[in-house]
Amino acid sequence: MTFATTYCYGDRKILDLKTLLDAIRFIIVNSILAFIFLFLTVEEFDWAIFSSRDGITDKVVDETSWNIKTLI
């Protein structure tokens, strides 16, 4: 390996603006998705508790893509 083919890491910025914006965007998008999934999970548990407490025997068929049972 000659001097012409080596790469000096001191010349490269580790934390530049593009990397910082990509990291912030990644955190924001995943936080929104986590909040949506948490809401769906809480709603599913809430319905299970509500229906068992009041003795509701209705069968609810939920064929939407947001159904927690189809996501898991």
N, C-alpha and C. Protein backbone atom coordinates (compact mmCIF):
# COMPACT_ATOMS: atom_id res chain seq x y z
N MET A 1 0.86 -1.16 0.00
CA MET A 1 0.00 0.00 0.00
C MET A 1 0.91 1.23 0.00
N THR A 2 0.71 2.05 -0.98
CA THR A 2 1.54 3.24 -1.10
C THR A 2 0.84 4.43 -0.48
N PHE A 3 1.56 5.49 -0.38
CA PHE A 3 1.01 6.71 0.20
C PHE A 3 -0.12 7.28 -0.65
N ALA A 4 -0.09 7.07 -1.94
CA ALA A 4 -1.11 7.63 -2.84
C ALA A 4 -2.45 6.91 -2.70
N THR A 5 -2.42 5.66 -2.23
CA THR A 5 -3.68 4.91 -2.14
C THR A 5 -4.24 4.87 -0.73
N THR A 6 -3.60 5.46 0.22
CA THR A 6 -4.12 5.46 1.59
C THR A 6 -5.12 6.58 1.78
N TYR A 7 -5.95 6.43 2.80
CA TYR A 7 -6.97 7.44 3.09
C TYR A 7 -6.73 7.94 4.49
N CYS A 8 -6.71 9.23 4.63
CA CYS A 8 -6.49 9.84 5.93
C CYS A 8 -7.85 10.24 6.52
N TYR A 9 -8.19 9.65 7.64
CA TYR A 9 -9.49 9.94 8.26
C TYR A 9 -9.54 11.33 8.88
N GLY A 10 -8.42 11.96 9.05
CA GLY A 10 -8.41 13.31 9.58
C GLY A 10 -8.96 14.33 8.59
N ASP A 11 -8.96 13.99 7.31
CA ASP A 11 -9.48 14.89 6.29
C ASP A 11 -11.00 14.85 6.20
N ARG A 12 -11.62 13.81 6.71
CA ARG A 12 -13.07 13.63 6.60
C ARG A 12 -13.75 14.09 7.88
N LYS A 13 -14.81 14.88 7.71
CA LYS A 13 -15.60 15.30 8.87
C LYS A 13 -16.53 14.16 9.28
N ILE A 14 -16.51 13.83 10.54
CA ILE A 14 -17.35 12.75 11.04
C ILE A 14 -18.80 13.22 11.18
N LEU A 15 -18.99 14.39 11.72
CA LEU A 15 -20.34 14.91 11.96
C LEU A 15 -20.56 16.15 11.10
N ASP A 16 -21.10 15.93 9.93
CA ASP A 16 -21.43 17.07 9.08
C ASP A 16 -22.93 17.31 9.13
N LEU A 17 -23.39 18.32 8.45
CA LEU A 17 -24.79 18.74 8.52
C LEU A 17 -25.73 17.68 7.94
N LYS A 18 -25.34 17.03 6.85
CA LYS A 18 -26.20 16.02 6.23
C LYS A 18 -26.38 14.82 7.15
N THR A 19 -25.32 14.38 7.79
CA THR A 19 -25.42 13.26 8.72
C THR A 19 -26.29 13.62 9.92
N LEU A 20 -26.14 14.83 10.43
CA LEU A 20 -26.94 15.28 11.56
C LEU A 20 -28.42 15.36 11.20
N LEU A 21 -28.74 15.89 10.02
CA LEU A 21 -30.14 15.97 9.60
C LEU A 21 -30.73 14.59 9.35
N ASP A 22 -29.94 13.67 8.80
CA ASP A 22 -30.43 12.30 8.61
C ASP A 22 -30.73 11.63 9.94
N ALA A 23 -29.89 11.85 10.94
CA ALA A 23 -30.11 11.26 12.25
C ALA A 23 -31.35 11.85 12.92
N ILE A 24 -31.54 13.15 12.81
CA ILE A 24 -32.72 13.81 13.40
C ILE A 24 -33.99 13.32 12.71
N ARG A 25 -33.94 13.20 11.38
CA ARG A 25 -35.10 12.72 10.63
C ARG A 25 -35.43 11.27 11.01
N PHE A 26 -34.42 10.44 11.17
CA PHE A 26 -34.61 9.05 11.56
C PHE A 26 -35.28 8.96 12.93
N ILE A 27 -34.83 9.78 13.87
CA ILE A 27 -35.40 9.77 15.22
C ILE A 27 -36.84 10.25 15.21
N ILE A 28 -37.13 11.31 14.47
CA ILE A 28 -38.49 11.86 14.43
C ILE A 28 -39.46 10.88 13.79
N VAL A 29 -39.09 10.30 12.65
CA VAL A 29 -39.98 9.36 11.96
C VAL A 29 -40.24 8.13 12.81
N ASN A 30 -39.21 7.59 13.43
CA ASN A 30 -39.41 6.41 14.26
C ASN A 30 -40.18 6.73 15.53
N SER A 31 -40.06 7.93 16.05
CA SER A 31 -40.85 8.32 17.22
C SER A 31 -42.33 8.40 16.87
N ILE A 32 -42.64 8.94 15.71
CA ILE A 32 -44.04 9.02 15.26
C ILE A 32 -44.61 7.61 15.07
N LEU A 33 -43.85 6.73 14.44
CA LEU A 33 -44.32 5.36 14.24
C LEU A 33 -44.48 4.62 15.57
N ALA A 34 -43.59 4.85 16.50
CA ALA A 34 -43.70 4.22 17.82
C ALA A 34 -44.93 4.72 18.56
N PHE A 35 -45.23 6.01 18.44
CA PHE A 35 -46.42 6.56 19.08
C PHE A 35 -47.69 5.97 18.49
N ILE A 36 -47.73 5.81 17.18
CA ILE A 36 -48.90 5.21 16.53
C ILE A 36 -49.08 3.77 16.98
N PHE A 37 -47.99 3.02 17.02
CA PHE A 37 -48.08 1.62 17.44
C PHE A 37 -48.49 1.51 18.90
N LEU A 38 -47.98 2.41 19.74
CA LEU A 38 -48.37 2.42 21.15
C LEU A 38 -49.85 2.72 21.30
N PHE A 39 -50.36 3.69 20.54
CA PHE A 39 -51.79 4.02 20.58
C PHE A 39 -52.64 2.84 20.15
N LEU A 40 -52.24 2.15 19.09
CA LEU A 40 -52.99 0.98 18.63
C LEU A 40 -52.99 -0.13 19.67
N THR A 41 -51.87 -0.34 20.32
CA THR A 41 -51.78 -1.37 21.34
C THR A 41 -52.66 -1.04 22.54
N VAL A 42 -52.61 0.21 23.00
CA VAL A 42 -53.44 0.62 24.13
C VAL A 42 -54.92 0.53 23.78
N GLU A 43 -55.27 0.89 22.56
CA GLU A 43 -56.67 0.81 22.13
C GLU A 43 -57.15 -0.63 22.10
N GLU A 44 -56.30 -1.54 21.67
CA GLU A 44 -56.68 -2.95 21.63
C GLU A 44 -56.89 -3.51 23.05
N PHE A 45 -56.00 -3.16 23.96
CA PHE A 45 -56.17 -3.60 25.35
C PHE A 45 -57.40 -2.95 25.99
N ASP A 46 -57.64 -1.69 25.65
CA ASP A 46 -58.80 -0.99 26.20
C ASP A 46 -60.09 -1.67 25.75
N TRP A 47 -60.17 -2.04 24.47
CA TRP A 47 -61.36 -2.71 23.98
C TRP A 47 -61.53 -4.08 24.62
N ALA A 48 -60.45 -4.80 24.83
CA ALA A 48 -60.54 -6.13 25.45
C ALA A 48 -61.03 -6.01 26.89
N ILE A 49 -60.53 -5.02 27.62
CA ILE A 49 -60.97 -4.83 29.01
C ILE A 49 -62.42 -4.37 29.06
N PHE A 50 -62.78 -3.43 28.18
CA PHE A 50 -64.15 -2.91 28.15
C PHE A 50 -65.15 -4.00 27.80
N SER A 51 -64.85 -4.80 26.79
CA SER A 51 -65.79 -5.82 26.35
C SER A 51 -65.91 -6.96 27.35
N SER A 52 -64.84 -7.27 28.07
CA SER A 52 -64.95 -8.35 29.05
C SER A 52 -65.67 -7.89 30.31
N ARG A 53 -65.52 -6.63 30.67
CA ARG A 53 -66.16 -6.11 31.88
C ARG A 53 -67.67 -5.97 31.70
N ASP A 54 -68.10 -5.49 30.53
CA ASP A 54 -69.52 -5.28 30.31
C ASP A 54 -70.23 -6.51 29.74
N GLY A 55 -69.51 -7.58 29.52
CA GLY A 55 -70.14 -8.79 29.02
C GLY A 55 -70.57 -8.69 27.57
N ILE A 56 -69.90 -7.90 26.78
CA ILE A 56 -70.24 -7.76 25.37
C ILE A 56 -69.75 -8.99 24.62
N THR A 57 -70.65 -9.62 23.90
CA THR A 57 -70.29 -10.84 23.17
C THR A 57 -70.25 -10.61 21.67
N ASP A 58 -70.35 -9.38 21.22
CA ASP A 58 -70.31 -9.09 19.79
C ASP A 58 -68.93 -9.41 19.24
N LYS A 59 -68.91 -10.00 18.08
CA LYS A 59 -67.65 -10.27 17.40
C LYS A 59 -67.39 -9.14 16.41
N VAL A 60 -66.30 -8.48 16.57
CA VAL A 60 -65.93 -7.37 15.70
C VAL A 60 -64.92 -7.87 14.70
N VAL A 61 -65.23 -7.72 13.42
CA VAL A 61 -64.32 -8.13 12.36
C VAL A 61 -63.66 -6.88 11.82
N ASP A 62 -62.37 -6.79 12.05
CA ASP A 62 -61.60 -5.62 11.62
C ASP A 62 -60.61 -6.07 10.56
N GLU A 63 -60.89 -5.75 9.32
CA GLU A 63 -60.02 -6.16 8.21
C GLU A 63 -59.11 -5.04 7.74
N THR A 64 -58.98 -4.00 8.51
CA THR A 64 -58.12 -2.89 8.11
C THR A 64 -56.66 -3.26 8.33
N SER A 65 -55.78 -2.53 7.68
CA SER A 65 -54.34 -2.79 7.82
C SER A 65 -53.81 -2.30 9.16
N TRP A 66 -54.60 -1.48 9.88
CA TRP A 66 -54.16 -0.96 11.17
C TRP A 66 -54.54 -1.86 12.33
N ASN A 67 -55.13 -3.00 12.07
CA ASN A 67 -55.50 -3.91 13.13
C ASN A 67 -54.25 -4.44 13.81
N ILE A 68 -54.22 -4.40 15.13
CA ILE A 68 -53.01 -4.79 15.88
C ILE A 68 -52.70 -6.27 15.68
N LYS A 69 -53.72 -7.08 15.47
CA LYS A 69 -53.50 -8.53 15.28
C LYS A 69 -52.86 -8.83 13.94
N THR A 70 -53.14 -8.00 12.94
CA THR A 70 -52.49 -8.22 11.65
C THR A 70 -51.09 -7.62 11.62
N LEU A 71 -50.82 -6.63 12.48
CA LEU A 71 -49.49 -6.05 12.52
C LEU A 71 -48.50 -6.97 13.21
N ILE A 72 -48.97 -7.70 14.21
CA ILE A 72 -48.09 -8.61 14.97
C ILE A 72 -48.15 -9.95 14.36
